Amino acid sequence: MYYVYLLRNPTGRFVYIGYTADLKRRVSEHQSSTRHRGWRLVYYEAYRDERDARVRERKLKQYGASLGRLKKRIHHSLELERAG
């Protein structure tokens, strides 16, 4: 499986989008780095094919409308994350 994921920083102002074949390892790497320490996983999508995950990641990064629609769809999850 391949995963497209969204991390949110502690202040709730920024998100990071990435893809990986090992979601637990990758999130752990982010959290142990100084750049993304304290950031939390708030959303992920699973794909069977790596190409699908890459295309989705690229779409979320390059097209603001795609990320905007995703943020609208998971609005409550993002708010809970900010509060928690």
PDB file of N, CA and C in Angstrom:
ATOM      1  N   MET A   1       0.835  -1.177   0.000  1.00  0.00           N
ATOM      2  CA  MET A   1       0.000   0.000   0.000  1.00  0.00           C
ATOM      3  C   MET A   1       0.887   1.251   0.000  1.00  0.00           C
ATOM      4  N   TYR A   2       0.354   2.309  -0.571  1.00  0.00           N
ATOM      5  CA  TYR A   2       1.012   3.606  -0.598  1.00  0.00           C
ATOM      6  C   TYR A   2       0.043   4.623  -0.012  1.00  0.00           C
ATOM      7  N   TYR A   3       0.581   5.577   0.693  1.00  0.00           N
ATOM      8  CA  TYR A   3      -0.250   6.510   1.433  1.00  0.00           C
ATOM      9  C   TYR A   3       0.085   7.956   1.076  1.00  0.00           C
ATOM     10  N   VAL A   4      -0.943   8.752   0.896  1.00  0.00           N
ATOM     11  CA  VAL A   4      -0.827  10.196   0.807  1.00  0.00           C
ATOM     12  C   VAL A   4      -1.305  10.693   2.155  1.00  0.00           C
ATOM     13  N   TYR A   5      -0.534  11.571   2.787  1.00  0.00           N
ATOM     14  CA  TYR A   5      -0.873  11.968   4.152  1.00  0.00           C
ATOM     15  C   TYR A   5      -0.769  13.470   4.335  1.00  0.00           C
ATOM     16  N   LEU A   6      -1.437  13.949   5.367  1.00  0.00           N
ATOM     17  CA  LEU A   6      -1.433  15.365   5.688  1.00  0.00           C
ATOM     18  C   LEU A   6      -1.060  15.527   7.156  1.00  0.00           C
ATOM     19  N   LEU A   7      -0.007  16.297   7.402  1.00  0.00           N
ATOM     20  CA  LEU A   7       0.405  16.644   8.763  1.00  0.00           C
ATOM     21  C   LEU A   7       0.005  18.089   9.016  1.00  0.00           C
ATOM     22  N   ARG A   8      -0.311  18.392  10.261  1.00  0.00           N
ATOM     23  CA  ARG A   8      -0.657  19.769  10.629  1.00  0.00           C
ATOM     24  C   ARG A   8       0.252  20.223  11.753  1.00  0.00           C
ATOM     25  N   ASN A   9       0.742  21.456  11.675  1.00  0.00           N
ATOM     26  CA  ASN A   9       1.647  21.939  12.710  1.00  0.00           C
ATOM     27  C   ASN A   9       0.872  22.285  13.984  1.00  0.00           C
ATOM     28  N   PRO A  10       1.559  22.407  15.116  1.00  0.00           N
ATOM     29  CA  PRO A  10       0.877  22.636  16.396  1.00  0.00           C
ATOM     30  C   PRO A  10       0.008  23.893  16.438  1.00  0.00           C
ATOM     31  N   THR A  11       0.373  24.927  15.709  1.00  0.00           N
ATOM     32  CA  THR A  11      -0.436  26.147  15.727  1.00  0.00           C
ATOM     33  C   THR A  11      -1.648  26.053  14.810  1.00  0.00           C
ATOM     34  N   GLY A  12      -1.674  25.040  13.947  1.00  0.00           N
ATOM     35  CA  GLY A  12      -2.794  24.863  13.040  1.00  0.00           C
ATOM     36  C   GLY A  12      -2.745  25.742  11.811  1.00  0.00           C
ATOM     37  N   ARG A  13      -1.642  26.434  11.597  1.00  0.00           N
ATOM     38  CA  ARG A  13      -1.557  27.361  10.464  1.00  0.00           C
ATOM     39  C   ARG A  13      -1.047  26.711   9.186  1.00  0.00           C
ATOM     40  N   PHE A  14      -0.270  25.645   9.307  1.00  0.00           N
ATOM     41  CA  PHE A  14       0.368  25.059   8.133  1.00  0.00           C
ATOM     42  C   PHE A  14       0.098  23.563   8.047  1.00  0.00           C
ATOM     43  N   VAL A  15       0.131  23.049   6.810  1.00  0.00           N
ATOM     44  CA  VAL A  15       0.005  21.613   6.580  1.00  0.00           C
ATOM     45  C   VAL A  15       1.184  21.155   5.731  1.00  0.00           C
ATOM     46  N   TYR A  16       1.503  19.885   5.861  1.00  0.00           N
ATOM     47  CA  TYR A  16       2.530  19.247   5.040  1.00  0.00           C
ATOM     48  C   TYR A  16       1.873  18.062   4.363  1.00  0.00           C
ATOM     49  N   ILE A  17       2.093  17.915   3.072  1.00  0.00           N
ATOM     50  CA  ILE A  17       1.530  16.810   2.300  1.00  0.00           C
ATOM     51  C   ILE A  17       2.668  15.957   1.780  1.00  0.00           C
ATOM     52  N   GLY A  18       2.547  14.648   1.917  1.00  0.00           N
ATOM     53  CA  GLY A  18       3.567  13.754   1.409  1.00  0.00           C
ATOM     54  C   GLY A  18       2.969  12.413   1.026  1.00  0.00           C
ATOM     55  N   TYR A  19       3.807  11.529   0.500  1.00  0.00           N
ATOM     56  CA  TYR A  19       3.364  10.163   0.233  1.00  0.00           C
ATOM     57  C   TYR A  19       4.471   9.208   0.621  1.00  0.00           C
ATOM     58  N   THR A  20       4.092   7.981   0.957  1.00  0.00           N
ATOM     59  CA  THR A  20       5.053   6.992   1.424  1.00  0.00           C
ATOM     60  C   THR A  20       4.468   5.594   1.300  1.00  0.00           C
ATOM     61  N   ALA A  21       5.334   4.596   1.368  1.00  0.00           N
ATOM     62  CA  ALA A  21       4.885   3.209   1.404  1.00  0.00           C
ATOM     63  C   ALA A  21       4.780   2.712   2.853  1.00  0.00           C
ATOM     64  N   ASP A  22       5.380   3.439   3.787  1.00  0.00           N
ATOM     65  CA  ASP A  22       5.360   3.045   5.197  1.00  0.00           C
ATOM     66  C   ASP A  22       4.947   4.249   6.038  1.00  0.00           C
ATOM     67  N   LEU A  23       3.663   4.366   6.269  1.00  0.00           N
ATOM     68  CA  LEU A  23       3.120   5.554   6.921  1.00  0.00           C
ATOM     69  C   LEU A  23       3.623   5.722   8.354  1.00  0.00           C
ATOM     70  N   LYS A  24       3.639   4.664   9.138  1.00  0.00           N
ATOM     71  CA  LYS A  24       4.090   4.773  10.530  1.00  0.00           C
ATOM     72  C   LYS A  24       5.544   5.240  10.608  1.00  0.00           C
ATOM     73  N   ARG A  25       6.398   4.650   9.789  1.00  0.00           N
ATOM     74  CA  ARG A  25       7.808   5.035   9.786  1.00  0.00           C
ATOM     75  C   ARG A  25       7.978   6.491   9.371  1.00  0.00           C
ATOM     76  N   ARG A  26       7.270   6.901   8.325  1.00  0.00           N
ATOM     77  CA  ARG A  26       7.431   8.253   7.802  1.00  0.00           C
ATOM     78  C   ARG A  26       6.948   9.307   8.794  1.00  0.00           C
ATOM     79  N   VAL A  27       5.825   9.060   9.438  1.00  0.00           N
ATOM     80  CA  VAL A  27       5.329  10.008  10.441  1.00  0.00           C
ATOM     81  C   VAL A  27       6.313  10.087  11.598  1.00  0.00           C
ATOM     82  N   SER A  28       6.863   8.953  11.999  1.00  0.00           N
ATOM     83  CA  SER A  28       7.857   8.936  13.068  1.00  0.00           C
ATOM     84  C   SER A  28       9.090   9.746  12.674  1.00  0.00           C
ATOM     85  N   GLU A  29       9.521   9.618  11.428  1.00  0.00           N
ATOM     86  CA  GLU A  29      10.665  10.394  10.948  1.00  0.00           C
ATOM     87  C   GLU A  29      10.375  11.892  11.001  1.00  0.00           C
ATOM     88  N   HIS A  30       9.188  12.270  10.587  1.00  0.00           N
ATOM     89  CA  HIS A  30       8.812  13.685  10.646  1.00  0.00           C
ATOM     90  C   HIS A  30       8.856  14.194  12.086  1.00  0.00           C
ATOM     91  N   GLN A  31       8.300  13.427  12.988  1.00  0.00           N
ATOM     92  CA  GLN A  31       8.203  13.873  14.375  1.00  0.00           C
ATOM     93  C   GLN A  31       9.557  13.921  15.070  1.00  0.00           C
ATOM     94  N   SER A  32      10.506  13.142  14.598  1.00  0.00           N
ATOM     95  CA  SER A  32      11.833  13.169  15.209  1.00  0.00           C
ATOM     96  C   SER A  32      12.736  14.231  14.575  1.00  0.00           C
ATOM     97  N   SER A  33      12.307  14.815  13.462  1.00  0.00           N
ATOM     98  CA  SER A  33      13.099  15.872  12.828  1.00  0.00           C
ATOM     99  C   SER A  33      12.808  17.200  13.523  1.00  0.00           C
ATOM    100  N   THR A  34      13.744  18.115  13.444  1.00  0.00           N
ATOM    101  CA  THR A  34      13.526  19.424  14.063  1.00  0.00           C
ATOM    102  C   THR A  34      12.521  20.256  13.274  1.00  0.00           C
ATOM    103  N   ARG A  35      12.431  20.011  11.995  1.00  0.00           N
ATOM    104  CA  ARG A  35      11.538  20.814  11.150  1.00  0.00           C
ATOM    105  C   ARG A  35      10.069  20.521  11.402  1.00  0.00           C
ATOM    106  N   HIS A  36       9.714  19.281  11.656  1.00  0.00           N
ATOM    107  CA  HIS A  36       8.300  18.908  11.826  1.00  0.00           C
ATOM    108  C   HIS A  36       7.993  18.351  13.213  1.00  0.00           C
ATOM    109  N   ARG A  37       8.830  18.641  14.172  1.00  0.00           N
ATOM    110  CA  ARG A  37       8.572  18.163  15.539  1.00  0.00           C
ATOM    111  C   ARG A  37       7.269  18.781  16.041  1.00  0.00           C
ATOM    112  N   GLY A  38       6.417  17.948  16.609  1.00  0.00           N
ATOM    113  CA  GLY A  38       5.134  18.419  17.123  1.00  0.00           C
ATOM    114  C   GLY A  38       4.011  18.384  16.101  1.00  0.00           C
ATOM    115  N   TRP A  39       4.350  18.175  14.826  1.00  0.00           N
ATOM    116  CA  TRP A  39       3.314  18.079  13.806  1.00  0.00           C
ATOM    117  C   TRP A  39       2.598  16.746  13.978  1.00  0.00           C
ATOM    118  N   ARG A  40       1.307  16.723  13.652  1.00  0.00           N
ATOM    119  CA  ARG A  40       0.531  15.507  13.859  1.00  0.00           C
ATOM    120  C   ARG A  40      -0.178  15.085  12.586  1.00  0.00           C
ATOM    121  N   LEU A  41      -0.316  13.789  12.450  1.00  0.00           N
ATOM    122  CA  LEU A  41      -1.043  13.222  11.313  1.00  0.00           C
ATOM    123  C   LEU A  41      -2.532  13.486  11.520  1.00  0.00           C
ATOM    124  N   VAL A  42      -3.168  14.124  10.537  1.00  0.00           N
ATOM    125  CA  VAL A  42      -4.598  14.394  10.649  1.00  0.00           C
ATOM    126  C   VAL A  42      -5.411  13.704   9.558  1.00  0.00           C
ATOM    127  N   TYR A  43      -4.743  13.201   8.508  1.00  0.00           N
ATOM    128  CA  TYR A  43      -5.489  12.603   7.411  1.00  0.00           C
ATOM    129  C   TYR A  43      -4.551  11.764   6.556  1.00  0.00           C
ATOM    130  N   TYR A  44      -5.081  10.670   6.016  1.00  0.00           N
ATOM    131  CA  TYR A  44      -4.335   9.907   5.019  1.00  0.00           C
ATOM    132  C   TYR A  44      -5.281   9.182   4.087  1.00  0.00           C
ATOM    133  N   GLU A  45      -4.785   8.856   2.904  1.00  0.00           N
ATOM    134  CA  GLU A  45      -5.498   8.076   1.906  1.00  0.00           C
ATOM    135  C   GLU A  45      -4.591   6.912   1.519  1.00  0.00           C
ATOM    136  N   ALA A  46      -5.166   5.753   1.279  1.00  0.00           N
ATOM    137  CA  ALA A  46      -4.386   4.564   0.915  1.00  0.00           C
ATOM    138  C   ALA A  46      -4.634   4.199  -0.548  1.00  0.00           C
ATOM    139  N   TYR A  47      -3.554   3.815  -1.230  1.00  0.00           N
ATOM    140  CA  TYR A  47      -3.613   3.418  -2.634  1.00  0.00           C
ATOM    141  C   TYR A  47      -2.848   2.116  -2.826  1.00  0.00           C
ATOM    142  N   ARG A  48      -3.319   1.291  -3.730  1.00  0.00           N
ATOM    143  CA  ARG A  48      -2.622   0.035  -4.022  1.00  0.00           C
ATOM    144  C   ARG A  48      -1.444   0.261  -4.953  1.00  0.00           C
ATOM    145  N   ASP A  49      -1.513   1.283  -5.783  1.00  0.00           N
ATOM    146  CA  ASP A  49      -0.469   1.531  -6.763  1.00  0.00           C
ATOM    147  C   ASP A  49       0.251   2.839  -6.440  1.00  0.00           C
ATOM    148  N   GLU A  50       1.562   2.804  -6.486  1.00  0.00           N
ATOM    149  CA  GLU A  50       2.371   3.972  -6.158  1.00  0.00           C
ATOM    150  C   GLU A  50       2.073   5.156  -7.076  1.00  0.00           C
ATOM    151  N   ARG A  51       1.819   4.876  -8.342  1.00  0.00           N
ATOM    152  CA  ARG A  51       1.556   5.964  -9.285  1.00  0.00           C
ATOM    153  C   ARG A  51       0.325   6.766  -8.892  1.00  0.00           C
ATOM    154  N   ASP A  52      -0.708   6.072  -8.418  1.00  0.00           N
ATOM    155  CA  ASP A  52      -1.918   6.773  -7.981  1.00  0.00           C
ATOM    156  C   ASP A  52      -1.621   7.692  -6.799  1.00  0.00           C
ATOM    157  N   ALA A  53      -0.806   7.217  -5.862  1.00  0.00           N
ATOM    158  CA  ALA A  53      -0.443   8.031  -4.698  1.00  0.00           C
ATOM    159  C   ALA A  53       0.362   9.251  -5.123  1.00  0.00           C
ATOM    160  N   ARG A  54       1.287   9.072  -6.050  1.00  0.00           N
ATOM    161  CA  ARG A  54       2.106  10.195  -6.520  1.00  0.00           C
ATOM    162  C   ARG A  54       1.259  11.249  -7.220  1.00  0.00           C
ATOM    163  N   VAL A  55       0.336  10.795  -8.050  1.00  0.00           N
ATOM    164  CA  VAL A  55      -0.532  11.725  -8.765  1.00  0.00           C
ATOM    165  C   VAL A  55      -1.384  12.514  -7.778  1.00  0.00           C
ATOM    166  N   ARG A  56      -1.942  11.836  -6.780  1.00  0.00           N
ATOM    167  CA  ARG A  56      -2.776  12.516  -5.787  1.00  0.00           C
ATOM    168  C   ARG A  56      -1.956  13.520  -4.978  1.00  0.00           C
ATOM    169  N   GLU A  57      -0.758  13.125  -4.554  1.00  0.00           N
ATOM    170  CA  GLU A  57       0.102  14.044  -3.798  1.00  0.00           C
ATOM    171  C   GLU A  57       0.406  15.289  -4.636  1.00  0.00           C
ATOM    172  N   ARG A  58       0.765  15.078  -5.875  1.00  0.00           N
ATOM    173  CA  ARG A  58       1.100  16.193  -6.765  1.00  0.00           C
ATOM    174  C   ARG A  58      -0.104  17.114  -6.946  1.00  0.00           C
ATOM    175  N   LYS A  59      -1.287  16.531  -7.119  1.00  0.00           N
ATOM    176  CA  LYS A  59      -2.495  17.329  -7.293  1.00  0.00           C
ATOM    177  C   LYS A  59      -2.763  18.183  -6.052  1.00  0.00           C
ATOM    178  N   LEU A  60      -2.601  17.609  -4.873  1.00  0.00           N
ATOM    179  CA  LEU A  60      -2.829  18.366  -3.643  1.00  0.00           C
ATOM    180  C   LEU A  60      -1.803  19.482  -3.468  1.00  0.00           C
ATOM    181  N   LYS A  61      -0.571  19.238  -3.889  1.00  0.00           N
ATOM    182  CA  LYS A  61       0.479  20.242  -3.735  1.00  0.00           C
ATOM    183  C   LYS A  61       0.400  21.344  -4.784  1.00  0.00           C
ATOM    184  N   GLN A  62       0.024  21.008  -5.998  1.00  0.00           N
ATOM    185  CA  GLN A  62       0.095  21.973  -7.093  1.00  0.00           C
ATOM    186  C   GLN A  62      -1.195  22.746  -7.333  1.00  0.00           C
ATOM    187  N   TYR A  63      -2.313  22.172  -6.973  1.00  0.00           N
ATOM    188  CA  TYR A  63      -3.599  22.807  -7.269  1.00  0.00           C
ATOM    189  C   TYR A  63      -4.291  23.167  -5.963  1.00  0.00           C
ATOM    190  N   GLY A  64      -4.329  24.450  -5.662  1.00  0.00           N
ATOM    191  CA  GLY A  64      -4.916  24.922  -4.418  1.00  0.00           C
ATOM    192  C   GLY A  64      -6.357  24.492  -4.236  1.00  0.00           C
ATOM    193  N   ALA A  65      -7.099  24.359  -5.331  1.00  0.00           N
ATOM    194  CA  ALA A  65      -8.504  23.973  -5.233  1.00  0.00           C
ATOM    195  C   ALA A  65      -8.647  22.557  -4.668  1.00  0.00           C
ATOM    196  N   SER A  66      -7.751  21.650  -5.037  1.00  0.00           N
ATOM    197  CA  SER A  66      -7.821  20.277  -4.529  1.00  0.00           C
ATOM    198  C   SER A  66      -7.595  20.242  -3.028  1.00  0.00           C
ATOM    199  N   LEU A  67      -6.594  20.968  -2.559  1.00  0.00           N
ATOM    200  CA  LEU A  67      -6.315  21.023  -1.128  1.00  0.00           C
ATOM    201  C   LEU A  67      -7.450  21.734  -0.399  1.00  0.00           C
ATOM    202  N   GLY A  68      -7.977  22.775  -0.993  1.00  0.00           N
ATOM    203  CA  GLY A  68      -9.099  23.495  -0.391  1.00  0.00           C
ATOM    204  C   GLY A  68     -10.314  22.604  -0.204  1.00  0.00           C
ATOM    205  N   ARG A  69     -10.632  21.788  -1.223  1.00  0.00           N
ATOM    206  CA  ARG A  69     -11.768  20.862  -1.114  1.00  0.00           C
ATOM    207  C   ARG A  69     -11.521  19.825  -0.030  1.00  0.00           C
ATOM    208  N   LEU A  70     -10.282  19.324   0.043  1.00  0.00           N
ATOM    209  CA  LEU A  70      -9.952  18.348   1.080  1.00  0.00           C
ATOM    210  C   LEU A  70     -10.095  18.975   2.465  1.00  0.00           C
ATOM    211  N   LYS A  71      -9.587  20.182   2.644  1.00  0.00           N
ATOM    212  CA  LYS A  71      -9.699  20.850   3.947  1.00  0.00           C
ATOM    213  C   LYS A  71     -11.150  21.074   4.337  1.00  0.00           C
ATOM    214  N   LYS A  72     -12.003  21.403   3.354  1.00  0.00           N
ATOM    215  CA  LYS A  72     -13.434  21.555   3.641  1.00  0.00           C
ATOM    216  C   LYS A  72     -14.030  20.233   4.095  1.00  0.00           C
ATOM    217  N   ARG A  73     -13.641  19.171   3.416  1.00  0.00           N
ATOM    218  CA  ARG A  73     -14.191  17.851   3.719  1.00  0.00           C
ATOM    219  C   ARG A  73     -13.786  17.360   5.099  1.00  0.00           C
ATOM    220  N   ILE A  74     -12.579  17.693   5.545  1.00  0.00           N
ATOM    221  CA  ILE A  74     -12.099  17.209   6.842  1.00  0.00           C
ATOM    222  C   ILE A  74     -12.022  18.336   7.872  1.00  0.00           C
ATOM    223  N   HIS A  75     -12.823  19.364   7.670  1.00  0.00           N
ATOM    224  CA  HIS A  75     -12.803  20.545   8.516  1.00  0.00           C
ATOM    225  C   HIS A  75     -12.867  20.211  10.006  1.00  0.00           C
ATOM    226  N   HIS A  76     -13.776  19.342  10.400  1.00  0.00           N
ATOM    227  CA  HIS A  76     -13.932  19.023  11.822  1.00  0.00           C
ATOM    228  C   HIS A  76     -12.710  18.298  12.366  1.00  0.00           C
ATOM    229  N   SER A  77     -12.105  17.449  11.583  1.00  0.00           N
ATOM    230  CA  SER A  77     -10.890  16.758  12.019  1.00  0.00           C
ATOM    231  C   SER A  77      -9.751  17.743  12.218  1.00  0.00           C
ATOM    232  N   LEU A  78      -9.661  18.727  11.356  1.00  0.00           N
ATOM    233  CA  LEU A  78      -8.615  19.732  11.501  1.00  0.00           C
ATOM    234  C   LEU A  78      -8.854  20.597  12.729  1.00  0.00           C
ATOM    235  N   GLU A  79     -10.091  20.921  13.015  1.00  0.00           N
ATOM    236  CA  GLU A  79     -10.414  21.714  14.190  1.00  0.00           C
ATOM    237  C   GLU A  79     -10.131  20.930  15.472  1.00  0.00           C
ATOM    238  N   LEU A  80     -10.491  19.654  15.500  1.00  0.00           N
ATOM    239  CA  LEU A  80     -10.224  18.823  16.670  1.00  0.00           C
ATOM    240  C   LEU A  80      -8.724  18.727  16.912  1.00  0.00           C
ATOM    241  N   GLU A  81      -7.974  18.604  15.828  1.00  0.00           N
ATOM    242  CA  GLU A  81      -6.531  18.495  15.960  1.00  0.00           C
ATOM    243  C   GLU A  81      -5.951  19.769  16.551  1.00  0.00           C
ATOM    244  N   ARG A  82      -6.451  20.890  16.118  1.00  0.00           N
ATOM    245  CA  ARG A  82      -5.964  22.176  16.610  1.00  0.00           C
ATOM    246  C   ARG A  82      -6.264  22.315  18.105  1.00  0.00           C
ATOM    247  N   ALA A  83      -7.422  21.859  18.528  1.00  0.00           N
ATOM    248  CA  ALA A  83      -7.815  21.973  19.942  1.00  0.00           C
ATOM    249  C   ALA A  83      -7.095  20.952  20.809  1.00  0.00           C
ATOM    250  N   GLY A  84      -6.739  19.807  20.226  1.00  0.00           N
ATOM    251  CA  GLY A  84      -6.162  18.717  21.010  1.00  0.00           C
ATOM    252  C   GLY A  84      -4.711  18.696  20.966  1.00  0.00           C
TER     253      GLY A  84
END
